[in-house]
Amino acid sequence: ALARALVHDPDILILDEPMSGIDPSGQIEMRRILQEVIRQ
């Protein structure tokens, strides 16, 4: 869903509880994406 939200290369990304229901390893992966990919 995050990849889908980025497919048109938007300037702003709005996330509503993106970590909800994800296990700890999934949260770590989402955090990595947000910090390393989107911030870059």
PDB file of all heavy atoms in Angstrom:
ATOM      1  N   ALA A   1       0.840  -1.203   0.000  1.00  0.00           N
ATOM      2  CA  ALA A   1       0.000   0.000   0.000  1.00  0.00           C
ATOM      3  C   ALA A   1       0.874   1.252   0.000  1.00  0.00           C
ATOM      4  O   ALA A   1       0.539   2.262  -0.630  1.00  0.00           O
ATOM      5  CB  ALA A   1      -0.922  -0.001   1.218  1.00  0.00           C
ATOM      6  N   LEU A   2       2.007   1.184   0.688  1.00  0.00           N
ATOM      7  CA  LEU A   2       2.934   2.306   0.695  1.00  0.00           C
ATOM      8  C   LEU A   2       3.541   2.513  -0.689  1.00  0.00           C
ATOM      9  O   LEU A   2       3.649   3.647  -1.173  1.00  0.00           O
ATOM     10  CB  LEU A   2       4.029   2.051   1.733  1.00  0.00           C
ATOM     11  CG  LEU A   2       4.959   3.201   2.079  1.00  0.00           C
ATOM     12  CD1 LEU A   2       4.179   4.443   2.504  1.00  0.00           C
ATOM     13  CD2 LEU A   2       5.911   2.782   3.188  1.00  0.00           C
ATOM     14  N   ALA A   3       3.903   1.405  -1.343  1.00  0.00           N
ATOM     15  CA  ALA A   3       4.420   1.503  -2.718  1.00  0.00           C
ATOM     16  C   ALA A   3       3.366   2.084  -3.639  1.00  0.00           C
ATOM     17  O   ALA A   3       3.654   2.910  -4.517  1.00  0.00           O
ATOM     18  CB  ALA A   3       4.854   0.117  -3.201  1.00  0.00           C
ATOM     19  N   ARG A   4       2.117   1.652  -3.457  1.00  0.00           N
ATOM     20  CA  ARG A   4       1.016   2.161  -4.266  1.00  0.00           C
ATOM     21  C   ARG A   4       0.829   3.659  -4.060  1.00  0.00           C
ATOM     22  O   ARG A   4       0.595   4.417  -4.999  1.00  0.00           O
ATOM     23  CB  ARG A   4      -0.268   1.410  -3.897  1.00  0.00           C
ATOM     24  CG  ARG A   4      -1.479   1.753  -4.729  1.00  0.00           C
ATOM     25  CD  ARG A   4      -2.419   2.699  -4.025  1.00  0.00           C
ATOM     26  NE  ARG A   4      -2.810   2.183  -2.740  1.00  0.00           N
ATOM     27  CZ  ARG A   4      -3.271   2.953  -1.761  1.00  0.00           C
ATOM     28  NH1 ARG A   4      -3.356   4.257  -1.914  1.00  0.00           N
ATOM     29  NH2 ARG A   4      -3.624   2.435  -0.606  1.00  0.00           N
ATOM     30  N   ALA A   5       0.978   4.116  -2.798  1.00  0.00           N
ATOM     31  CA  ALA A   5       0.820   5.541  -2.494  1.00  0.00           C
ATOM     32  C   ALA A   5       1.938   6.379  -3.109  1.00  0.00           C
ATOM     33  O   ALA A   5       1.781   7.584  -3.303  1.00  0.00           O
ATOM     34  CB  ALA A   5       0.800   5.749  -0.978  1.00  0.00           C
ATOM     35  N   LEU A   6       3.057   5.728  -3.432  1.00  0.00           N
ATOM     36  CA  LEU A   6       4.214   6.453  -3.967  1.00  0.00           C
ATOM     37  C   LEU A   6       4.371   6.314  -5.478  1.00  0.00           C
ATOM     38  O   LEU A   6       5.266   6.918  -6.056  1.00  0.00           O
ATOM     39  CB  LEU A   6       5.489   5.923  -3.296  1.00  0.00           C
ATOM     40  CG  LEU A   6       5.680   6.284  -1.825  1.00  0.00           C
ATOM     41  CD1 LEU A   6       6.754   5.410  -1.204  1.00  0.00           C
ATOM     42  CD2 LEU A   6       6.028   7.749  -1.684  1.00  0.00           C
ATOM     43  N   VAL A   7       3.502   5.529  -6.113  1.00  0.00           N
ATOM     44  CA  VAL A   7       3.715   5.190  -7.514  1.00  0.00           C
ATOM     45  C   VAL A   7       3.684   6.419  -8.418  1.00  0.00           C
ATOM     46  O   VAL A   7       4.329   6.445  -9.471  1.00  0.00           O
ATOM     47  CB  VAL A   7       2.675   4.126  -7.968  1.00  0.00           C
ATOM     48  CG1 VAL A   7       1.300   4.744  -8.160  1.00  0.00           C
ATOM     49  CG2 VAL A   7       3.153   3.417  -9.227  1.00  0.00           C
ATOM     50  N   HIS A   8       2.963   7.461  -8.028  1.00  0.00           N
ATOM     51  CA  HIS A   8       2.897   8.676  -8.861  1.00  0.00           C
ATOM     52  C   HIS A   8       3.844   9.771  -8.365  1.00  0.00           C
ATOM     53  O   HIS A   8       3.742  10.923  -8.773  1.00  0.00           O
ATOM     54  CB  HIS A   8       1.461   9.202  -8.916  1.00  0.00           C
ATOM     55  CG  HIS A   8       0.870   9.559  -7.584  1.00  0.00           C
ATOM     56  ND1 HIS A   8       0.681   8.642  -6.577  1.00  0.00           N
ATOM     57  CD2 HIS A   8       0.427  10.758  -7.093  1.00  0.00           C
ATOM     58  CE1 HIS A   8       0.139   9.249  -5.529  1.00  0.00           C
ATOM     59  NE2 HIS A   8      -0.020  10.523  -5.821  1.00  0.00           N
ATOM     60  N   ASP A   9       4.777   9.391  -7.459  1.00  0.00           N
ATOM     61  CA  ASP A   9       5.811  10.297  -6.937  1.00  0.00           C
ATOM     62  C   ASP A   9       5.215  11.573  -6.330  1.00  0.00           C
ATOM     63  O   ASP A   9       5.526  12.691  -6.758  1.00  0.00           O
ATOM     64  CB  ASP A   9       6.796  10.663  -8.048  1.00  0.00           C
ATOM     65  CG  ASP A   9       8.076  11.273  -7.488  1.00  0.00           C
ATOM     66  OD1 ASP A   9       8.434  10.967  -6.330  1.00  0.00           O
ATOM     67  OD2 ASP A   9       8.706  12.074  -8.201  1.00  0.00           O
ATOM     68  N   PRO A  10       4.368  11.431  -5.301  1.00  0.00           N
ATOM     69  CA  PRO A  10       3.733  12.607  -4.690  1.00  0.00           C
ATOM     70  C   PRO A  10       4.712  13.412  -3.838  1.00  0.00           C
ATOM     71  O   PRO A  10       5.765  12.901  -3.433  1.00  0.00           O
ATOM     72  CB  PRO A  10       2.653  11.978  -3.801  1.00  0.00           C
ATOM     73  CG  PRO A  10       3.253  10.663  -3.390  1.00  0.00           C
ATOM     74  CD  PRO A  10       3.985  10.178  -4.614  1.00  0.00           C
ATOM     75  N   ASP A  11       4.359  14.648  -3.566  1.00  0.00           N
ATOM     76  CA  ASP A  11       5.172  15.499  -2.680  1.00  0.00           C
ATOM     77  C   ASP A  11       4.857  15.224  -1.216  1.00  0.00           C
ATOM     78  O   ASP A  11       5.720  15.374  -0.347  1.00  0.00           O
ATOM     79  CB  ASP A  11       4.894  16.988  -2.975  1.00  0.00           C
ATOM     80  CG  ASP A  11       5.315  17.362  -4.380  1.00  0.00           C
ATOM     81  OD1 ASP A  11       6.490  17.143  -4.708  1.00  0.00           O
ATOM     82  OD2 ASP A  11       4.474  17.859  -5.142  1.00  0.00           O
ATOM     83  N   ILE A  12       3.600  14.868  -0.939  1.00  0.00           N
ATOM     84  CA  ILE A  12       3.140  14.644   0.433  1.00  0.00           C
ATOM     85  C   ILE A  12       2.592  13.239   0.558  1.00  0.00           C
ATOM     86  O   ILE A  12       1.875  12.762  -0.320  1.00  0.00           O
ATOM     87  CB  ILE A  12       2.036  15.655   0.809  1.00  0.00           C
ATOM     88  CG1 ILE A  12       2.573  17.089   0.756  1.00  0.00           C
ATOM     89  CG2 ILE A  12       1.481  15.363   2.208  1.00  0.00           C
ATOM     90  CD1 ILE A  12       1.507  18.155   0.990  1.00  0.00           C
ATOM     91  N   LEU A  13       2.929  12.598   1.665  1.00  0.00           N
ATOM     92  CA  LEU A  13       2.403  11.276   1.955  1.00  0.00           C
ATOM     93  C   LEU A  13       1.633  11.343   3.267  1.00  0.00           C
ATOM     94  O   LEU A  13       2.167  11.787   4.284  1.00  0.00           O
ATOM     95  CB  LEU A  13       3.538  10.262   2.075  1.00  0.00           C
ATOM     96  CG  LEU A  13       3.132   8.795   2.140  1.00  0.00           C
ATOM     97  CD1 LEU A  13       2.486   8.357   0.829  1.00  0.00           C
ATOM     98  CD2 LEU A  13       4.339   7.918   2.444  1.00  0.00           C
ATOM     99  N   ILE A  14       0.371  10.923   3.229  1.00  0.00           N
ATOM    100  CA  ILE A  14      -0.488  10.946   4.406  1.00  0.00           C
ATOM    101  C   ILE A  14      -0.782   9.507   4.816  1.00  0.00           C
ATOM    102  O   ILE A  14      -1.323   8.729   4.029  1.00  0.00           O
ATOM    103  CB  ILE A  14      -1.792  11.714   4.125  1.00  0.00           C
ATOM    104  CG1 ILE A  14      -1.461  13.189   3.832  1.00  0.00           C
ATOM    105  CG2 ILE A  14      -2.753  11.606   5.308  1.00  0.00           C
ATOM    106  CD1 ILE A  14      -2.662  14.047   3.489  1.00  0.00           C
ATOM    107  N   LEU A  15      -0.419   9.160   6.048  1.00  0.00           N
ATOM    108  CA  LEU A  15      -0.537   7.787   6.543  1.00  0.00           C
ATOM    109  C   LEU A  15      -1.435   7.758   7.771  1.00  0.00           C
ATOM    110  O   LEU A  15      -1.180   8.464   8.746  1.00  0.00           O
ATOM    111  CB  LEU A  15       0.842   7.235   6.919  1.00  0.00           C
ATOM    112  CG  LEU A  15       1.948   7.380   5.879  1.00  0.00           C
ATOM    113  CD1 LEU A  15       3.275   6.897   6.452  1.00  0.00           C
ATOM    114  CD2 LEU A  15       1.600   6.605   4.622  1.00  0.00           C
ATOM    115  N   ASP A  16      -2.454   6.931   7.727  1.00  0.00           N
ATOM    116  CA  ASP A  16      -3.380   6.802   8.855  1.00  0.00           C
ATOM    117  C   ASP A  16      -3.113   5.470   9.564  1.00  0.00           C
ATOM    118  O   ASP A  16      -3.485   4.415   9.056  1.00  0.00           O
ATOM    119  CB  ASP A  16      -4.824   6.867   8.364  1.00  0.00           C
ATOM    120  CG  ASP A  16      -5.820   7.003   9.521  1.00  0.00           C
ATOM    121  OD1 ASP A  16      -5.388   7.206  10.664  1.00  0.00           O
ATOM    122  OD2 ASP A  16      -7.031   6.898   9.259  1.00  0.00           O
ATOM    123  N   GLU A  17      -2.449   5.527  10.706  1.00  0.00           N
ATOM    124  CA  GLU A  17      -2.124   4.332  11.510  1.00  0.00           C
ATOM    125  C   GLU A  17      -1.460   3.244  10.656  1.00  0.00           C
ATOM    126  O   GLU A  17      -1.920   2.099  10.608  1.00  0.00           O
ATOM    127  CB  GLU A  17      -3.401   3.765  12.155  1.00  0.00           C
ATOM    128  CG  GLU A  17      -4.135   4.729  13.066  1.00  0.00           C
ATOM    129  CD  GLU A  17      -3.500   4.824  14.456  1.00  0.00           C
ATOM    130  OE1 GLU A  17      -2.463   4.176  14.687  1.00  0.00           O
ATOM    131  OE2 GLU A  17      -4.060   5.531  15.299  1.00  0.00           O
ATOM    132  N   PRO A  18      -0.342   3.560   9.988  1.00  0.00           N
ATOM    133  CA  PRO A  18       0.266   2.578   9.073  1.00  0.00           C
ATOM    134  C   PRO A  18       0.876   1.366   9.770  1.00  0.00           C
ATOM    135  O   PRO A  18       1.129   0.352   9.126  1.00  0.00           O
ATOM    136  CB  PRO A  18       1.353   3.396   8.363  1.00  0.00           C
ATOM    137  CG  PRO A  18       1.715   4.452   9.351  1.00  0.00           C
ATOM    138  CD  PRO A  18       0.418   4.811  10.020  1.00  0.00           C
ATOM    139  N   MET A  19       1.133   1.453  11.084  1.00  0.00           N
ATOM    140  CA  MET A  19       1.732   0.331  11.809  1.00  0.00           C
ATOM    141  C   MET A  19       0.678  -0.560  12.472  1.00  0.00           C
ATOM    142  O   MET A  19       1.012  -1.573  13.080  1.00  0.00           O
ATOM    143  CB  MET A  19       2.690   0.840  12.891  1.00  0.00           C
ATOM    144  CG  MET A  19       3.727   1.811  12.393  1.00  0.00           C
ATOM    145  SD  MET A  19       4.895   1.051  11.248  1.00  0.00           S
ATOM    146  CE  MET A  19       6.056   2.387  11.030  1.00  0.00           C
ATOM    147  N   SER A  20      -0.574  -0.167  12.383  1.00  0.00           N
ATOM    148  CA  SER A  20      -1.636  -0.894  13.077  1.00  0.00           C
ATOM    149  C   SER A  20      -1.745  -2.337  12.587  1.00  0.00           C
ATOM    150  O   SER A  20      -1.849  -2.601  11.389  1.00  0.00           O
ATOM    151  CB  SER A  20      -2.974  -0.182  12.870  1.00  0.00           C
ATOM    152  OG  SER A  20      -4.016  -0.876  13.499  1.00  0.00           O
ATOM    153  N   GLY A  21      -1.705  -3.279  13.522  1.00  0.00           N
ATOM    154  CA  GLY A  21      -1.888  -4.688  13.189  1.00  0.00           C
ATOM    155  C   GLY A  21      -0.677  -5.374  12.617  1.00  0.00           C
ATOM    156  O   GLY A  21      -0.756  -6.543  12.218  1.00  0.00           O
ATOM    157  N   ILE A  22       0.461  -4.681  12.565  1.00  0.00           N
ATOM    158  CA  ILE A  22       1.680  -5.274  12.013  1.00  0.00           C
ATOM    159  C   ILE A  22       2.552  -5.802  13.152  1.00  0.00           C
ATOM    160  O   ILE A  22       2.681  -5.144  14.191  1.00  0.00           O
ATOM    161  CB  ILE A  22       2.475  -4.242  11.194  1.00  0.00           C
ATOM    162  CG1 ILE A  22       1.606  -3.658  10.082  1.00  0.00           C
ATOM    163  CG2 ILE A  22       3.720  -4.866  10.603  1.00  0.00           C
ATOM    164  CD1 ILE A  22       2.318  -2.620   9.254  1.00  0.00           C
ATOM    165  N   ASP A  23       3.157  -6.960  12.946  1.00  0.00           N
ATOM    166  CA  ASP A  23       4.015  -7.518  13.989  1.00  0.00           C
ATOM    167  C   ASP A  23       5.301  -6.696  14.100  1.00  0.00           C
ATOM    168  O   ASP A  23       5.603  -5.868  13.232  1.00  0.00           O
ATOM    169  CB  ASP A  23       4.313  -8.996  13.735  1.00  0.00           C
ATOM    170  CG  ASP A  23       5.069  -9.235  12.431  1.00  0.00           C
ATOM    171  OD1 ASP A  23       5.809  -8.347  11.983  1.00  0.00           O
ATOM    172  OD2 ASP A  23       4.906 -10.318  11.857  1.00  0.00           O
ATOM    173  N   PRO A  24       6.085  -6.883  15.176  1.00  0.00           N
ATOM    174  CA  PRO A  24       7.294  -6.070  15.405  1.00  0.00           C
ATOM    175  C   PRO A  24       8.265  -6.048  14.227  1.00  0.00           C
ATOM    176  O   PRO A  24       8.818  -4.990  13.899  1.00  0.00           O
ATOM    177  CB  PRO A  24       7.922  -6.726  16.641  1.00  0.00           C
ATOM    178  CG  PRO A  24       6.756  -7.274  17.391  1.00  0.00           C
ATOM    179  CD  PRO A  24       5.812  -7.767  16.334  1.00  0.00           C
ATOM    180  N   SER A  25       8.480  -7.200  13.576  1.00  0.00           N
ATOM    181  CA  SER A  25       9.408  -7.217  12.438  1.00  0.00           C
ATOM    182  C   SER A  25       8.858  -6.389  11.279  1.00  0.00           C
ATOM    183  O   SER A  25       9.610  -5.696  10.576  1.00  0.00           O
ATOM    184  CB  SER A  25       9.674  -8.656  11.981  1.00  0.00           C
ATOM    185  OG  SER A  25       8.484  -9.275  11.524  1.00  0.00           O
ATOM    186  N   GLY A  26       7.544  -6.430  11.089  1.00  0.00           N
ATOM    187  CA  GLY A  26       6.918  -5.613  10.048  1.00  0.00           C
ATOM    188  C   GLY A  26       7.020  -4.129  10.345  1.00  0.00           C
ATOM    189  O   GLY A  26       7.204  -3.305   9.443  1.00  0.00           O
ATOM    190  N   GLN A  27       6.910  -3.770  11.623  1.00  0.00           N
ATOM    191  CA  GLN A  27       7.044  -2.364  12.017  1.00  0.00           C
ATOM    192  C   GLN A  27       8.454  -1.858  11.746  1.00  0.00           C
ATOM    193  O   GLN A  27       8.640  -0.729  11.291  1.00  0.00           O
ATOM    194  CB  GLN A  27       6.688  -2.205  13.495  1.00  0.00           C
ATOM    195  CG  GLN A  27       5.218  -2.437  13.797  1.00  0.00           C
ATOM    196  CD  GLN A  27       4.894  -2.240  15.262  1.00  0.00           C
ATOM    197  OE1 GLN A  27       5.686  -1.687  16.016  1.00  0.00           O
ATOM    198  NE2 GLN A  27       3.726  -2.690  15.687  1.00  0.00           N
ATOM    199  N   ILE A  28       9.438  -2.699  12.045  1.00  0.00           N
ATOM    200  CA  ILE A  28      10.826  -2.318  11.781  1.00  0.00           C
ATOM    201  C   ILE A  28      11.035  -2.065  10.294  1.00  0.00           C
ATOM    202  O   ILE A  28      11.684  -1.103   9.881  1.00  0.00           O
ATOM    203  CB  ILE A  28      11.790  -3.412  12.291  1.00  0.00           C
ATOM    204  CG1 ILE A  28      11.767  -3.467  13.819  1.00  0.00           C
ATOM    205  CG2 ILE A  28      13.215  -3.171  11.790  1.00  0.00           C
ATOM    206  CD1 ILE A  28      12.508  -4.641  14.413  1.00  0.00           C
ATOM    207  N   GLU A  29      10.457  -2.927   9.464  1.00  0.00           N
ATOM    208  CA  GLU A  29      10.596  -2.785   8.016  1.00  0.00           C
ATOM    209  C   GLU A  29       9.907  -1.521   7.520  1.00  0.00           C
ATOM    210  O   GLU A  29      10.458  -0.779   6.692  1.00  0.00           O
ATOM    211  CB  GLU A  29      10.013  -4.012   7.319  1.00  0.00           C
ATOM    212  CG  GLU A  29      10.221  -4.043   5.816  1.00  0.00           C
ATOM    213  CD  GLU A  29      11.676  -4.166   5.413  1.00  0.00           C
ATOM    214  OE1 GLU A  29      12.536  -4.421   6.287  1.00  0.00           O
ATOM    215  OE2 GLU A  29      11.966  -3.985   4.212  1.00  0.00           O
ATOM    216  N   MET A  30       8.713  -1.241   8.032  1.00  0.00           N
ATOM    217  CA  MET A  30       8.008  -0.016   7.641  1.00  0.00           C
ATOM    218  C   MET A  30       8.800   1.219   8.061  1.00  0.00           C
ATOM    219  O   MET A  30       8.890   2.202   7.321  1.00  0.00           O
ATOM    220  CB  MET A  30       6.622   0.009   8.270  1.00  0.00           C
ATOM    221  CG  MET A  30       5.611  -0.899   7.588  1.00  0.00           C
ATOM    222  SD  MET A  30       5.095  -0.285   5.965  1.00  0.00           S
ATOM    223  CE  MET A  30       4.007   1.057   6.460  1.00  0.00           C
ATOM    224  N   ARG A  31       9.368   1.163   9.252  1.00  0.00           N
ATOM    225  CA  ARG A  31      10.157   2.301   9.737  1.00  0.00           C
ATOM    226  C   ARG A  31      11.370   2.524   8.838  1.00  0.00           C
ATOM    227  O   ARG A  31      11.728   3.668   8.522  1.00  0.00           O
ATOM    228  CB  ARG A  31      10.594   2.031  11.170  1.00  0.00           C
ATOM    229  CG  ARG A  31      11.189   3.251  11.884  1.00  0.00           C
ATOM    230  CD  ARG A  31      11.732   2.878  13.247  1.00  0.00           C
ATOM    231  NE  ARG A  31      10.769   2.093  13.990  1.00  0.00           N
ATOM    232  CZ  ARG A  31      11.065   0.985  14.652  1.00  0.00           C
ATOM    233  NH1 ARG A  31      12.287   0.510  14.668  1.00  0.00           N
ATOM    234  NH2 ARG A  31      10.129   0.339  15.311  1.00  0.00           N
ATOM    235  N   ARG A  32      11.988   1.435   8.415  1.00  0.00           N
ATOM    236  CA  ARG A  32      13.145   1.553   7.525  1.00  0.00           C
ATOM    237  C   ARG A  32      12.751   2.244   6.220  1.00  0.00           C
ATOM    238  O   ARG A  32      13.460   3.131   5.732  1.00  0.00           O
ATOM    239  CB  ARG A  32      13.712   0.161   7.216  1.00  0.00           C
ATOM    240  CG  ARG A  32      14.893   0.189   6.242  1.00  0.00           C
ATOM    241  CD  ARG A  32      15.221  -1.191   5.715  1.00  0.00           C
ATOM    242  NE  ARG A  32      14.175  -1.735   4.862  1.00  0.00           N
ATOM    243  CZ  ARG A  32      13.999  -1.372   3.592  1.00  0.00           C
ATOM    244  NH1 ARG A  32      14.774  -0.445   3.043  1.00  0.00           N
ATOM    245  NH2 ARG A  32      13.032  -1.916   2.869  1.00  0.00           N
ATOM    246  N   ILE A  33      11.609   1.839   5.688  1.00  0.00           N
ATOM    247  CA  ILE A  33      11.152   2.430   4.426  1.00  0.00           C
ATOM    248  C   ILE A  33      10.891   3.919   4.589  1.00  0.00           C
ATOM    249  O   ILE A  33      11.314   4.746   3.774  1.00  0.00           O
ATOM    250  CB  ILE A  33       9.889   1.711   3.927  1.00  0.00           C
ATOM    251  CG1 ILE A  33      10.210   0.249   3.599  1.00  0.00           C
ATOM    252  CG2 ILE A  33       9.314   2.411   2.703  1.00  0.00           C
ATOM    253  CD1 ILE A  33       8.987  -0.623   3.457  1.00  0.00           C
ATOM    254  N   LEU A  34      10.190   4.265   5.662  1.00  0.00           N
ATOM    255  CA  LEU A  34       9.857   5.666   5.891  1.00  0.00           C
ATOM    256  C   LEU A  34      11.109   6.517   6.069  1.00  0.00           C
ATOM    257  O   LEU A  34      11.224   7.612   5.520  1.00  0.00           O
ATOM    258  CB  LEU A  34       8.965   5.806   7.127  1.00  0.00           C
ATOM    259  CG  LEU A  34       7.539   5.269   6.985  1.00  0.00           C
ATOM    260  CD1 LEU A  34       6.817   5.328   8.330  1.00  0.00           C
ATOM    261  CD2 LEU A  34       6.771   6.061   5.944  1.00  0.00           C
ATOM    262  N   GLN A  35      12.060   6.011   6.829  1.00  0.00           N
ATOM    263  CA  GLN A  35      13.259   6.798   7.120  1.00  0.00           C
ATOM    264  C   GLN A  35      14.245   6.819   5.957  1.00  0.00           C
ATOM    265  O   GLN A  35      14.766   7.876   5.600  1.00  0.00           O
ATOM    266  CB  GLN A  35      13.946   6.251   8.372  1.00  0.00           C
ATOM    267  CG  GLN A  35      13.145   6.486   9.647  1.00  0.00           C
ATOM    268  CD  GLN A  35      13.790   5.863  10.872  1.00  0.00           C
ATOM    269  OE1 GLN A  35      14.235   4.718  10.846  1.00  0.00           O
ATOM    270  NE2 GLN A  35      13.854   6.610  11.948  1.00  0.00           N
ATOM    271  N   GLU A  36      14.508   5.672   5.353  1.00  0.00           N
ATOM    272  CA  GLU A  36      15.572   5.582   4.361  1.00  0.00           C
ATOM    273  C   GLU A  36      15.113   5.910   2.940  1.00  0.00           C
ATOM    274  O   GLU A  36      15.864   6.521   2.182  1.00  0.00           O
ATOM    275  CB  GLU A  36      16.168   4.174   4.372  1.00  0.00           C
ATOM    276  CG  GLU A  36      16.874   3.832   5.685  1.00  0.00           C
ATOM    277  CD  GLU A  36      17.488   2.453   5.659  1.00  0.00           C
ATOM    278  OE1 GLU A  36      17.537   1.837   4.564  1.00  0.00           O
ATOM    279  OE2 GLU A  36      17.900   1.972   6.728  1.00  0.00           O
ATOM    280  N   VAL A  37      13.903   5.512   2.598  1.00  0.00           N
ATOM    281  CA  VAL A  37      13.454   5.712   1.223  1.00  0.00           C
ATOM    282  C   VAL A  37      12.737   7.042   1.048  1.00  0.00           C
ATOM    283  O   VAL A  37      13.128   7.880   0.234  1.00  0.00           O
ATOM    284  CB  VAL A  37      12.535   4.549   0.781  1.00  0.00           C
ATOM    285  CG1 VAL A  37      12.035   4.765  -0.640  1.00  0.00           C
ATOM    286  CG2 VAL A  37      13.288   3.235   0.887  1.00  0.00           C
ATOM    287  N   ILE A  38      11.684   7.242   1.845  1.00  0.00           N
ATOM    288  CA  ILE A  38      10.866   8.431   1.659  1.00  0.00           C
ATOM    289  C   ILE A  38      11.622   9.691   2.040  1.00  0.00           C
ATOM    290  O   ILE A  38      11.590  10.693   1.326  1.00  0.00           O
ATOM    291  CB  ILE A  38       9.556   8.307   2.450  1.00  0.00           C
ATOM    292  CG1 ILE A  38       8.786   7.083   1.943  1.00  0.00           C
ATOM    293  CG2 ILE A  38       8.706   9.558   2.302  1.00  0.00           C
ATOM    294  CD1 ILE A  38       7.564   6.753   2.742  1.00  0.00           C
ATOM    295  N   ARG A  39      12.328   9.658   3.165  1.00  0.00           N
ATOM    296  CA  ARG A  39      13.062  10.852   3.584  1.00  0.00           C
ATOM    297  C   ARG A  39      14.143  11.213   2.578  1.00  0.00           C
ATOM    298  O   ARG A  39      14.411  12.389   2.331  1.00  0.00           O
ATOM    299  CB  ARG A  39      13.669  10.638   4.968  1.00  0.00           C
ATOM    300  CG  ARG A  39      12.661  10.482   6.085  1.00  0.00           C
ATOM    301  CD  ARG A  39      11.887  11.749   6.348  1.00  0.00           C
ATOM    302  NE  ARG A  39      12.689  12.758   6.980  1.00  0.00           N
ATOM    303  CZ  ARG A  39      12.221  13.911   7.434  1.00  0.00           C
ATOM    304  NH1 ARG A  39      10.943  14.197   7.304  1.00  0.00           N
ATOM    305  NH2 ARG A  39      13.006  14.789   7.993  1.00  0.00           N
ATOM    306  N   GLN A  40      14.776  10.208   1.986  1.00  0.00           N
ATOM    307  CA  GLN A  40      15.798  10.485   0.978  1.00  0.00           C
ATOM    308  C   GLN A  40      15.197  11.156  -0.248  1.00  0.00           C
ATOM    309  O   GLN A  40      15.870  11.923  -0.940  1.00  0.00           O
ATOM    310  CB  GLN A  40      16.501   9.184   0.576  1.00  0.00           C
ATOM    311  CG  GLN A  40      17.445   8.649   1.643  1.00  0.00           C
ATOM    312  CD  GLN A  40      18.031   7.296   1.281  1.00  0.00           C
ATOM    313  OE1 GLN A  40      17.863   6.813   0.165  1.00  0.00           O
ATOM    314  NE2 GLN A  40      18.718   6.678   2.224  1.00  0.00           N
TER     315      GLN A  40
END
